[in-house]
Amino acid sequence: MQERDWFDTNTRRLPGVLCLILAATAWMWPIVIVVGDHVVSPLHLFIVLSGASLLLLWGACNWGGRALVVFVVVMSGIVVWFNDGIQAGTVLPEKGPDGCRIVVVERSFLFAGGGDIGTISTPLGIVNTQSRYESDDGARPFTWARSHYTLAWEGRTAHVHAPGDSDAWPADHTLRC
């Protein structure tokens, strides 16, 4: 019986293929990742994962495989880039007790908009999305320069109100850390 070589070509391709699949689907992930005061966009995730897949697959594939990998990276990169242009993530500067923060991810395209509002208690992690809103005319009530949202803390509960001139509904959100 022949012993399996764990470093054969198929085994070397697996991590690269997994990175490629994750990179191509980064724009669909339902999670929001925060590092410090920065919301990591799907474009940043795509760049890291597609770069890793190219490095891992370049030596393990022939020229046809390399061309396919580059094609998938370019096509999915266009989708991720377009998606990144219609969304913006913000960590609101006001902190609650124990360092709890509010994170808003807003999306707008043409005359439609909306967003997700959640909390995060650590400087690095995944946001706990607790509320959603819709907006008219593609408004972004939290990231636009003329935004006038209000945020009030009652213990570990945050009350967020989106400004009325942005036509965001619902305008009032209650979040728990």
C-alpha atoms as a PDB file:
ATOM      1  CA  MET A   1       0.000   0.000   0.000  1.00  0.00           C
ATOM      2  CA  GLN A   2       1.357   3.349  -1.026  1.00  0.00           C
ATOM      3  CA  GLU A   3       1.547   6.119   1.558  1.00  0.00           C
ATOM      4  CA  ARG A   4      -0.230   9.335   0.616  1.00  0.00           C
ATOM      5  CA  ASP A   5       1.927  12.370  -0.082  1.00  0.00           C
ATOM      6  CA  TRP A   6       0.323  15.261   1.860  1.00  0.00           C
ATOM      7  CA  PHE A   7       2.108  17.817  -0.277  1.00  0.00           C
ATOM      8  CA  ASP A   8       0.781  16.687  -3.648  1.00  0.00           C
ATOM      9  CA  THR A   9      -0.629  19.228  -6.092  1.00  0.00           C
ATOM     10  CA  ASN A  10      -4.300  18.745  -5.151  1.00  0.00           C
ATOM     11  CA  THR A  11      -3.585  19.237  -1.452  1.00  0.00           C
ATOM     12  CA  ARG A  12      -1.538  22.371  -2.143  1.00  0.00           C
ATOM     13  CA  ARG A  13      -4.409  23.862  -4.148  1.00  0.00           C
ATOM     14  CA  LEU A  14      -7.043  23.512  -1.415  1.00  0.00           C
ATOM     15  CA  PRO A  15      -6.083  26.567   0.732  1.00  0.00           C
ATOM     16  CA  GLY A  16      -5.802  28.726  -2.393  1.00  0.00           C
ATOM     17  CA  VAL A  17      -9.185  27.593  -3.698  1.00  0.00           C
ATOM     18  CA  LEU A  18     -10.781  28.282  -0.300  1.00  0.00           C
ATOM     19  CA  CYS A  19      -9.269  31.788  -0.243  1.00  0.00           C
ATOM     20  CA  LEU A  20     -10.525  32.355  -3.795  1.00  0.00           C
ATOM     21  CA  ILE A  21     -14.071  31.297  -2.868  1.00  0.00           C
ATOM     22  CA  LEU A  22     -14.044  33.538   0.217  1.00  0.00           C
ATOM     23  CA  ALA A  23     -12.671  36.454  -1.815  1.00  0.00           C
ATOM     24  CA  ALA A  24     -15.275  36.069  -4.563  1.00  0.00           C
ATOM     25  CA  THR A  25     -18.113  36.016  -2.027  1.00  0.00           C
ATOM     26  CA  ALA A  26     -16.813  38.699   0.387  1.00  0.00           C
ATOM     27  CA  TRP A  27     -19.439  41.188  -0.793  1.00  0.00           C
ATOM     28  CA  MET A  28     -22.235  38.818   0.311  1.00  0.00           C
ATOM     29  CA  TRP A  29     -21.019  38.192   3.852  1.00  0.00           C
ATOM     30  CA  PRO A  30     -23.710  39.088   6.405  1.00  0.00           C
ATOM     31  CA  ILE A  31     -21.142  40.101   9.018  1.00  0.00           C
ATOM     32  CA  VAL A  32     -19.536  43.462   9.733  1.00  0.00           C
ATOM     33  CA  ILE A  33     -15.963  43.439  11.023  1.00  0.00           C
ATOM     34  CA  VAL A  34     -14.493  46.333  13.001  1.00  0.00           C
ATOM     35  CA  VAL A  35     -10.795  46.979  13.674  1.00  0.00           C
ATOM     36  CA  GLY A  36     -10.318  49.865  16.104  1.00  0.00           C
ATOM     37  CA  ASP A  37     -12.448  52.736  14.810  1.00  0.00           C
ATOM     38  CA  HIS A  38     -12.532  51.410  11.242  1.00  0.00           C
ATOM     39  CA  VAL A  39     -15.228  49.265   9.649  1.00  0.00           C
ATOM     40  CA  VAL A  40     -13.526  46.767   7.338  1.00  0.00           C
ATOM     41  CA  SER A  41     -15.152  46.980   3.919  1.00  0.00           C
ATOM     42  CA  PRO A  42     -15.735  43.981   1.647  1.00  0.00           C
ATOM     43  CA  LEU A  43     -13.169  45.510  -0.732  1.00  0.00           C
ATOM     44  CA  HIS A  44     -10.434  45.266   1.911  1.00  0.00           C
ATOM     45  CA  LEU A  45     -11.364  41.644   2.629  1.00  0.00           C
ATOM     46  CA  PHE A  46     -11.375  40.904  -1.088  1.00  0.00           C
ATOM     47  CA  ILE A  47      -7.907  42.370  -1.615  1.00  0.00           C
ATOM     48  CA  VAL A  48      -6.388  40.335   1.215  1.00  0.00           C
ATOM     49  CA  LEU A  49      -8.119  37.060   0.316  1.00  0.00           C
ATOM     50  CA  SER A  50      -7.597  37.307  -3.442  1.00  0.00           C
ATOM     51  CA  GLY A  51      -3.917  38.170  -2.907  1.00  0.00           C
ATOM     52  CA  ALA A  52      -3.557  35.110  -0.677  1.00  0.00           C
ATOM     53  CA  SER A  53      -5.302  32.902  -3.233  1.00  0.00           C
ATOM     54  CA  LEU A  54      -3.052  34.155  -6.048  1.00  0.00           C
ATOM     55  CA  LEU A  55       0.056  33.468  -3.962  1.00  0.00           C
ATOM     56  CA  LEU A  56      -1.127  30.015  -2.937  1.00  0.00           C
ATOM     57  CA  LEU A  57      -2.377  28.932  -6.368  1.00  0.00           C
ATOM     58  CA  TRP A  58       0.294  30.425  -8.619  1.00  0.00           C
ATOM     59  CA  GLY A  59       2.827  27.669  -8.012  1.00  0.00           C
ATOM     60  CA  ALA A  60       0.262  24.866  -7.776  1.00  0.00           C
ATOM     61  CA  CYS A  61      -1.439  25.488 -11.141  1.00  0.00           C
ATOM     62  CA  ASN A  62      -0.482  25.311 -14.775  1.00  0.00           C
ATOM     63  CA  TRP A  63      -0.991  28.289 -17.090  1.00  0.00           C
ATOM     64  CA  GLY A  64      -4.630  27.428 -17.797  1.00  0.00           C
ATOM     65  CA  GLY A  65      -5.385  27.258 -14.086  1.00  0.00           C
ATOM     66  CA  ARG A  66      -3.565  30.532 -13.496  1.00  0.00           C
ATOM     67  CA  ALA A  67      -5.598  32.240 -16.222  1.00  0.00           C
ATOM     68  CA  LEU A  68      -8.824  30.949 -14.644  1.00  0.00           C
ATOM     69  CA  VAL A  69      -7.773  32.219 -11.209  1.00  0.00           C
ATOM     70  CA  VAL A  70      -6.899  35.659 -12.593  1.00  0.00           C
ATOM     71  CA  PHE A  71     -10.222  35.780 -14.482  1.00  0.00           C
ATOM     72  CA  VAL A  72     -12.221  34.914 -11.330  1.00  0.00           C
ATOM     73  CA  VAL A  73     -10.274  37.480  -9.276  1.00  0.00           C
ATOM     74  CA  VAL A  74     -10.848  40.249 -11.837  1.00  0.00           C
ATOM     75  CA  MET A  75     -14.573  39.517 -12.313  1.00  0.00           C
ATOM     76  CA  SER A  76     -15.333  39.205  -8.616  1.00  0.00           C
ATOM     77  CA  GLY A  77     -13.167  42.270  -7.973  1.00  0.00           C
ATOM     78  CA  ILE A  78     -15.429  44.331 -10.223  1.00  0.00           C
ATOM     79  CA  VAL A  79     -18.504  43.184  -8.275  1.00  0.00           C
ATOM     80  CA  VAL A  80     -16.859  43.866  -4.905  1.00  0.00           C
ATOM     81  CA  TRP A  81     -15.605  47.278  -6.043  1.00  0.00           C
ATOM     82  CA  PHE A  82     -19.107  48.259  -7.217  1.00  0.00           C
ATOM     83  CA  ASN A  83     -20.645  47.024  -3.948  1.00  0.00           C
ATOM     84  CA  ASP A  84     -18.028  48.909  -1.927  1.00  0.00           C
ATOM     85  CA  GLY A  85     -19.000  52.139  -3.665  1.00  0.00           C
ATOM     86  CA  ILE A  86     -22.619  51.888  -2.537  1.00  0.00           C
ATOM     87  CA  GLN A  87     -21.936  51.198   1.133  1.00  0.00           C
ATOM     88  CA  ALA A  88     -20.172  53.003   3.953  1.00  0.00           C
ATOM     89  CA  GLY A  89     -19.479  51.878   7.484  1.00  0.00           C
ATOM     90  CA  THR A  90     -19.076  54.198  10.466  1.00  0.00           C
ATOM     91  CA  VAL A  91     -18.237  53.716  14.119  1.00  0.00           C
ATOM     92  CA  LEU A  92     -20.061  56.492  15.952  1.00  0.00           C
ATOM     93  CA  PRO A  93     -17.650  58.427  18.205  1.00  0.00           C
ATOM     94  CA  GLU A  94     -19.800  58.404  21.349  1.00  0.00           C
ATOM     95  CA  LYS A  95     -18.956  55.441  23.608  1.00  0.00           C
ATOM     96  CA  GLY A  96     -21.230  53.861  26.148  1.00  0.00           C
ATOM     97  CA  PRO A  97     -20.381  52.123  29.396  1.00  0.00           C
ATOM     98  CA  ASP A  98     -17.625  49.530  29.234  1.00  0.00           C
ATOM     99  CA  GLY A  99     -16.507  50.999  25.896  1.00  0.00           C
ATOM    100  CA  CYS A 100     -19.554  49.803  23.960  1.00  0.00           C
ATOM    101  CA  ARG A 101     -19.834  51.508  20.566  1.00  0.00           C
ATOM    102  CA  ILE A 102     -22.502  51.873  17.895  1.00  0.00           C
ATOM    103  CA  VAL A 103     -21.649  50.830  14.328  1.00  0.00           C
ATOM    104  CA  VAL A 104     -23.707  51.887  11.301  1.00  0.00           C
ATOM    105  CA  VAL A 105     -23.339  50.422   7.801  1.00  0.00           C
ATOM    106  CA  GLU A 106     -25.225  52.505   5.249  1.00  0.00           C
ATOM    107  CA  ARG A 107     -26.071  51.524   1.689  1.00  0.00           C
ATOM    108  CA  SER A 108     -27.453  53.713  -1.065  1.00  0.00           C
ATOM    109  CA  PHE A 109     -27.997  53.249  -4.764  1.00  0.00           C
ATOM    110  CA  LEU A 110     -29.762  55.794  -6.937  1.00  0.00           C
ATOM    111  CA  PHE A 111     -32.939  56.752  -5.033  1.00  0.00           C
ATOM    112  CA  ALA A 112     -32.972  53.933  -2.472  1.00  0.00           C
ATOM    113  CA  GLY A 113     -31.033  53.556   0.724  1.00  0.00           C
ATOM    114  CA  GLY A 114     -30.898  51.862   4.059  1.00  0.00           C
ATOM    115  CA  GLY A 115     -28.597  50.539   6.677  1.00  0.00           C
ATOM    116  CA  ASP A 116     -27.844  48.291   9.602  1.00  0.00           C
ATOM    117  CA  ILE A 117     -27.152  49.478  13.135  1.00  0.00           C
ATOM    118  CA  GLY A 118     -25.358  47.345  15.686  1.00  0.00           C
ATOM    119  CA  THR A 119     -23.093  47.312  18.715  1.00  0.00           C
ATOM    120  CA  ILE A 120     -19.569  46.168  19.440  1.00  0.00           C
ATOM    121  CA  SER A 121     -17.903  45.983  22.855  1.00  0.00           C
ATOM    122  CA  THR A 122     -14.304  45.320  21.823  1.00  0.00           C
ATOM    123  CA  PRO A 123     -11.859  47.200  19.569  1.00  0.00           C
ATOM    124  CA  LEU A 124     -11.646  44.184  17.241  1.00  0.00           C
ATOM    125  CA  GLY A 125     -14.528  41.936  16.351  1.00  0.00           C
ATOM    126  CA  ILE A 126     -17.809  41.248  14.639  1.00  0.00           C
ATOM    127  CA  VAL A 127     -20.703  43.685  15.037  1.00  0.00           C
ATOM    128  CA  ASN A 128     -23.925  42.499  16.640  1.00  0.00           C
ATOM    129  CA  THR A 129     -26.476  43.929  14.177  1.00  0.00           C
ATOM    130  CA  GLN A 130     -29.697  44.732  16.022  1.00  0.00           C
ATOM    131  CA  SER A 131     -31.670  47.169  13.884  1.00  0.00           C
ATOM    132  CA  ARG A 132     -32.247  48.157  10.262  1.00  0.00           C
ATOM    133  CA  TYR A 133     -33.657  51.215   8.551  1.00  0.00           C
ATOM    134  CA  GLU A 134     -34.649  52.343   5.070  1.00  0.00           C
ATOM    135  CA  SER A 135     -34.181  55.804   3.626  1.00  0.00           C
ATOM    136  CA  ASP A 136     -35.595  57.761   0.729  1.00  0.00           C
ATOM    137  CA  ASP A 137     -33.569  59.384  -2.052  1.00  0.00           C
ATOM    138  CA  GLY A 138     -30.504  57.312  -1.176  1.00  0.00           C
ATOM    139  CA  ALA A 139     -29.938  59.289   2.022  1.00  0.00           C
ATOM    140  CA  ARG A 140     -27.177  58.313   4.455  1.00  0.00           C
ATOM    141  CA  PRO A 141     -28.282  59.956   7.712  1.00  0.00           C
ATOM    142  CA  PHE A 142     -25.222  58.917   9.714  1.00  0.00           C
ATOM    143  CA  THR A 143     -22.289  59.520   7.348  1.00  0.00           C
ATOM    144  CA  TRP A 144     -23.321  62.600   5.393  1.00  0.00           C
ATOM    145  CA  ALA A 145     -21.740  65.870   6.496  1.00  0.00           C
ATOM    146  CA  ARG A 146     -25.101  67.401   7.344  1.00  0.00           C
ATOM    147  CA  SER A 147     -26.202  64.461   9.498  1.00  0.00           C
ATOM    148  CA  HIS A 148     -27.617  65.332  12.882  1.00  0.00           C
ATOM    149  CA  TYR A 149     -28.318  61.996  14.546  1.00  0.00           C
ATOM    150  CA  THR A 150     -28.756  61.826  18.309  1.00  0.00           C
ATOM    151  CA  LEU A 151     -27.398  59.116  20.577  1.00  0.00           C
ATOM    152  CA  ALA A 152     -28.295  58.774  24.252  1.00  0.00           C
ATOM    153  CA  TRP A 153     -27.105  56.079  26.664  1.00  0.00           C
ATOM    154  CA  GLU A 154     -29.152  54.659  29.542  1.00  0.00           C
ATOM    155  CA  GLY A 155     -26.852  52.149  31.191  1.00  0.00           C
ATOM    156  CA  ARG A 156     -26.047  49.529  28.555  1.00  0.00           C
ATOM    157  CA  THR A 157     -28.940  50.581  26.312  1.00  0.00           C
ATOM    158  CA  ALA A 158     -28.449  53.069  23.478  1.00  0.00           C
ATOM    159  CA  HIS A 159     -31.206  55.136  21.933  1.00  0.00           C
ATOM    160  CA  VAL A 160     -30.347  56.326  18.419  1.00  0.00           C
ATOM    161  CA  HIS A 161     -32.474  58.762  16.440  1.00  0.00           C
ATOM    162  CA  ALA A 162     -31.822  59.396  12.753  1.00  0.00           C
ATOM    163  CA  PRO A 163     -32.489  62.954  11.612  1.00  0.00           C
ATOM    164  CA  GLY A 164     -35.971  63.633  10.263  1.00  0.00           C
ATOM    165  CA  ASP A 165     -34.794  65.467   7.132  1.00  0.00           C
ATOM    166  CA  SER A 166     -33.198  62.291   5.759  1.00  0.00           C
ATOM    167  CA  ASP A 167     -36.503  60.409   5.490  1.00  0.00           C
ATOM    168  CA  ALA A 168     -35.105  57.419   7.368  1.00  0.00           C
ATOM    169  CA  TRP A 169     -37.644  55.018   8.768  1.00  0.00           C
ATOM    170  CA  PRO A 170     -37.850  53.891  11.396  1.00  0.00           C
ATOM    171  CA  ALA A 171     -36.043  56.896  12.835  1.00  0.00           C
ATOM    172  CA  ASP A 172     -35.740  55.610  16.415  1.00  0.00           C
ATOM    173  CA  HIS A 173     -33.615  52.595  17.307  1.00  0.00           C
ATOM    174  CA  THR A 174     -32.956  50.950  20.676  1.00  0.00           C
ATOM    175  CA  LEU A 175     -29.807  48.823  20.973  1.00  0.00           C
ATOM    176  CA  ARG A 176     -28.394  46.784  23.841  1.00  0.00           C
ATOM    177  CA  CYS A 177     -24.731  46.097  24.490  1.00  0.00           C
END
